[in-house]
N, C-alpha and C. Protein backbone atom coordinates (compact mmCIF):
# COMPACT_ATOMS: atom_id res chain seq x y z
N MET A 1 98.36 65.46 67.27
CA MET A 1 98.68 63.86 67.64
C MET A 1 98.15 63.02 66.18
N ALA A 2 99.04 62.16 65.66
CA ALA A 2 98.57 61.10 64.87
C ALA A 2 97.96 60.10 65.43
N LEU A 3 96.82 59.18 65.23
CA LEU A 3 96.96 57.94 65.86
C LEU A 3 96.70 56.95 64.56
N PRO A 4 97.56 56.03 64.30
CA PRO A 4 97.67 55.17 63.89
C PRO A 4 96.38 54.25 63.31
N ALA A 5 95.63 53.99 62.62
CA ALA A 5 94.35 53.16 62.73
C ALA A 5 94.72 51.71 62.22
N GLY A 6 95.59 51.24 62.46
CA GLY A 6 95.59 49.95 61.68
C GLY A 6 95.55 48.83 63.19
N ALA A 7 95.13 48.75 64.11
CA ALA A 7 94.91 48.03 65.21
C ALA A 7 93.79 46.55 65.07
N ASP A 8 93.29 45.83 65.87
CA ASP A 8 92.38 45.01 65.62
C ASP A 8 91.37 45.33 64.54
N PRO A 9 91.25 44.77 63.48
CA PRO A 9 89.88 45.04 62.48
C PRO A 9 88.34 44.96 63.24
N GLY A 10 88.20 44.51 64.41
CA GLY A 10 87.15 44.60 65.26
C GLY A 10 86.42 45.76 66.00
N ALA A 11 87.78 46.28 66.17
CA ALA A 11 87.83 47.16 67.36
C ALA A 11 87.80 48.79 66.42
N GLY A 12 86.85 49.57 67.19
CA GLY A 12 87.18 50.75 66.64
C GLY A 12 88.28 51.86 67.01
N PRO A 13 88.46 52.88 67.07
CA PRO A 13 89.06 53.80 67.43
C PRO A 13 88.67 54.61 68.80
N GLY A 14 87.60 54.62 69.30
CA GLY A 14 86.93 54.79 70.60
C GLY A 14 87.21 56.46 70.28
N PRO A 15 86.77 56.98 71.33
CA PRO A 15 86.54 58.58 71.09
C PRO A 15 87.91 59.39 70.98
N LEU A 16 87.77 60.15 69.97
CA LEU A 16 89.04 60.92 69.73
C LEU A 16 88.58 62.07 70.10
N SER A 17 89.65 62.89 70.54
CA SER A 17 89.63 64.45 71.02
C SER A 17 89.71 65.01 69.85
N ASP A 18 89.69 66.37 70.26
CA ASP A 18 89.80 67.48 69.16
C ASP A 18 91.51 67.24 69.43
N GLY A 19 91.81 67.79 68.35
CA GLY A 19 93.12 67.87 67.73
C GLY A 19 94.03 66.25 67.14
N VAL A 20 93.48 65.83 67.48
CA VAL A 20 93.70 64.10 67.47
C VAL A 20 93.04 63.61 65.38
N LEU A 21 94.42 63.56 64.75
CA LEU A 21 93.88 62.83 63.63
C LEU A 21 94.10 61.50 63.67
N GLY A 22 92.68 60.66 62.96
CA GLY A 22 92.96 59.54 62.69
C GLY A 22 93.60 58.85 61.61
N VAL A 23 94.44 58.19 61.40
CA VAL A 23 95.53 57.85 60.34
C VAL A 23 95.48 56.57 59.63
N GLY A 24 94.86 56.49 58.14
CA GLY A 24 95.15 55.13 57.22
C GLY A 24 96.08 54.84 56.73
N ALA A 25 96.42 53.67 56.05
CA ALA A 25 97.37 53.45 55.05
C ALA A 25 96.90 52.95 54.16
N ALA A 26 97.60 54.10 53.11
CA ALA A 26 97.38 53.40 51.23
C ALA A 26 98.09 52.33 50.88
N THR A 27 97.78 52.00 49.63
CA THR A 27 98.82 51.13 49.14
C THR A 27 99.44 52.29 47.83
N PRO A 28 100.04 52.31 47.17
CA PRO A 28 101.15 53.12 46.08
C PRO A 28 99.72 53.19 45.14
N ASP A 29 98.46 53.02 44.66
CA ASP A 29 97.75 52.85 44.23
C ASP A 29 96.58 53.77 44.79
N ASP A 30 97.06 54.14 45.86
CA ASP A 30 96.06 55.08 46.40
C ASP A 30 94.80 54.66 47.04
N ALA A 31 94.65 53.40 47.50
CA ALA A 31 93.75 52.06 47.83
C ALA A 31 93.85 51.94 48.96
N ALA A 32 92.64 51.63 50.10
CA ALA A 32 93.21 51.53 51.46
C ALA A 32 94.09 50.32 51.36
N ALA A 33 94.94 50.41 52.32
CA ALA A 33 95.63 49.17 52.85
C ALA A 33 94.93 47.97 53.15
N PRO A 34 94.51 46.56 52.87
CA PRO A 34 94.19 45.74 53.40
C PRO A 34 94.37 45.25 55.05
N PHE A 35 95.32 46.50 55.45
CA PHE A 35 95.02 45.89 57.19
C PHE A 35 95.16 47.19 57.96
N SER A 36 94.51 48.08 57.10
CA SER A 36 93.97 49.95 57.90
C SER A 36 92.45 49.44 58.10
N LEU A 37 92.20 49.97 59.24
CA LEU A 37 91.04 50.34 59.40
C LEU A 37 90.04 51.40 58.74
N ARG A 38 88.88 51.30 58.20
CA ARG A 38 88.28 52.52 57.60
C ARG A 38 86.91 52.82 58.40
N GLY A 39 86.80 54.28 57.73
CA GLY A 39 85.70 54.71 58.57
C GLY A 39 85.50 56.37 58.45
N SER A 40 84.22 56.92 59.18
CA SER A 40 84.36 58.04 58.70
C SER A 40 85.73 58.61 59.76
N TRP A 41 86.28 58.41 60.65
CA TRP A 41 86.79 58.88 61.63
C TRP A 41 88.44 59.08 61.51
N VAL A 42 88.86 58.59 59.89
CA VAL A 42 90.00 58.49 59.71
C VAL A 42 90.13 59.69 58.73
N ASP A 43 91.16 60.82 59.03
CA ASP A 43 91.10 61.95 59.09
C ASP A 43 91.86 62.35 57.21
N LEU A 44 93.11 61.51 57.38
CA LEU A 44 93.95 61.32 56.48
C LEU A 44 94.53 60.20 56.26
N ALA A 45 95.00 59.91 55.17
CA ALA A 45 95.87 58.38 54.84
C ALA A 45 97.21 58.80 54.02
N ALA A 46 98.11 57.96 54.37
CA ALA A 46 99.02 57.83 54.04
C ALA A 46 99.99 56.81 53.24
N ARG A 47 100.99 56.81 52.13
CA ARG A 47 101.20 55.49 52.18
C ARG A 47 101.88 54.93 53.18
N GLY A 48 101.28 53.47 53.24
CA GLY A 48 101.93 52.46 54.17
C GLY A 48 102.24 51.14 54.04
N THR A 49 102.72 50.80 52.43
CA THR A 49 102.74 49.97 52.02
C THR A 49 104.24 49.51 51.16
N GLY A 50 104.89 48.77 51.07
CA GLY A 50 105.77 48.76 49.91
C GLY A 50 107.07 49.91 50.35
N LEU A 51 107.11 49.99 51.47
CA LEU A 51 107.67 51.40 52.22
C LEU A 51 109.31 50.66 52.19
N ARG A 52 110.40 51.63 52.02
CA ARG A 52 111.83 51.45 52.70
C ARG A 52 112.37 52.34 53.49
N SER A 53 113.07 51.81 54.65
CA SER A 53 113.72 52.68 55.54
C SER A 53 115.10 52.24 55.74
N LEU A 54 115.85 53.22 56.60
CA LEU A 54 117.40 53.40 56.90
C LEU A 54 117.32 52.02 57.81
N ALA A 55 118.63 51.23 57.12
CA ALA A 55 118.71 50.11 58.06
C ALA A 55 119.79 50.21 59.24
N PRO A 56 119.75 49.24 60.14
CA PRO A 56 121.00 49.50 61.11
C PRO A 56 122.13 49.27 60.74
N GLY A 57 122.91 50.05 60.79
CA GLY A 57 124.38 49.52 60.10
C GLY A 57 124.71 49.94 58.43
N GLY A 58 123.77 50.69 58.28
CA GLY A 58 123.84 51.57 56.66
C GLY A 58 122.91 50.48 55.88
N GLY A 59 122.38 51.58 54.79
CA GLY A 59 122.06 50.94 53.75
C GLY A 59 120.70 51.23 53.60
N VAL A 60 119.92 50.49 52.96
CA VAL A 60 118.25 50.77 53.29
C VAL A 60 117.59 49.50 53.43
N THR A 61 116.38 49.01 53.72
CA THR A 61 115.24 47.92 53.79
C THR A 61 114.97 47.77 52.38
N GLY A 62 114.26 46.51 52.57
CA GLY A 62 113.30 45.77 51.34
C GLY A 62 112.73 46.77 51.32
N PRO A 63 111.66 46.81 50.00
CA PRO A 63 110.90 47.39 50.01
C PRO A 63 109.64 46.95 50.75
N ASP A 64 109.51 46.18 51.87
CA ASP A 64 108.56 45.36 52.53
C ASP A 64 107.90 46.09 53.50
N LEU A 65 108.42 47.09 53.75
CA LEU A 65 107.79 47.81 55.38
C LEU A 65 106.82 48.18 55.20
N GLN A 66 105.72 47.85 55.84
CA GLN A 66 104.21 48.24 56.06
C GLN A 66 103.79 48.78 57.12
N GLY A 67 102.24 49.07 57.33
CA GLY A 67 101.95 49.64 58.70
C GLY A 67 101.29 51.26 58.79
N THR A 68 100.57 51.26 59.57
CA THR A 68 99.72 52.58 59.68
C THR A 68 100.34 53.63 60.33
N SER A 69 101.55 52.31 61.22
CA SER A 69 102.93 53.01 61.69
C SER A 69 103.82 54.22 60.66
N MET A 70 103.92 53.31 59.70
CA MET A 70 104.79 54.00 58.68
C MET A 70 103.90 55.50 57.90
N ALA A 71 102.60 55.05 58.02
CA ALA A 71 101.78 56.31 57.43
C ALA A 71 101.86 57.45 58.33
N ALA A 72 101.87 57.57 59.49
CA ALA A 72 101.49 58.21 60.60
C ALA A 72 102.61 59.20 60.68
N PRO A 73 104.04 59.23 60.51
CA PRO A 73 104.76 60.58 60.18
C PRO A 73 104.87 60.96 59.16
N ILE A 74 104.21 60.90 58.36
CA ILE A 74 103.99 61.28 57.21
C ILE A 74 102.79 62.14 57.00
N VAL A 75 101.51 61.85 57.48
CA VAL A 75 100.68 62.70 57.92
C VAL A 75 100.75 63.45 59.07
N ALA A 76 101.79 63.29 59.95
CA ALA A 76 102.57 64.56 61.16
C ALA A 76 102.91 65.63 60.00
N GLY A 77 103.58 65.04 59.50
CA GLY A 77 104.30 66.51 58.72
C GLY A 77 103.43 67.28 57.91
N ALA A 78 102.25 66.32 57.25
CA ALA A 78 101.24 67.41 56.28
C ALA A 78 100.41 68.10 57.28
N ALA A 79 100.49 67.70 58.38
CA ALA A 79 99.39 68.28 59.35
C ALA A 79 100.45 69.44 60.25
N ALA A 80 101.30 69.35 60.33
CA ALA A 80 102.52 70.65 60.63
C ALA A 80 102.62 71.57 59.43
N LEU A 81 102.41 70.98 58.39
CA LEU A 81 102.61 72.07 57.06
C LEU A 81 101.49 72.60 57.01
N LEU A 82 99.98 71.77 57.35
CA LEU A 82 98.69 72.80 57.16
C LEU A 82 98.37 74.00 58.50
N ARG A 83 99.32 73.18 59.48
CA ARG A 83 99.19 74.24 60.53
C ARG A 83 99.61 75.49 60.59
N GLU A 84 101.24 75.43 59.98
CA GLU A 84 101.78 76.13 59.88
C GLU A 84 100.98 77.69 58.49
N ARG A 85 100.52 77.12 57.38
CA ARG A 85 99.72 77.45 56.62
C ARG A 85 98.84 79.46 57.17
């Protein structure tokens, strides 16, 4: 399970169970995104800013999507590849 780490900056993630990854969001420059929490509990970060997605009705969105929720599926894919290795 991937847990996005972009909640309230004053809040910590709480205790994480085995098998749960703490996910951070990064910028295209591989820096921590300003809205992403930081800490030793973040296991893996993925791009979480300046992203595009499929738009309802066709086409793509502008390059303004951001969030740890955008990074979580990338991390989940990486975790699946590592697990199968």
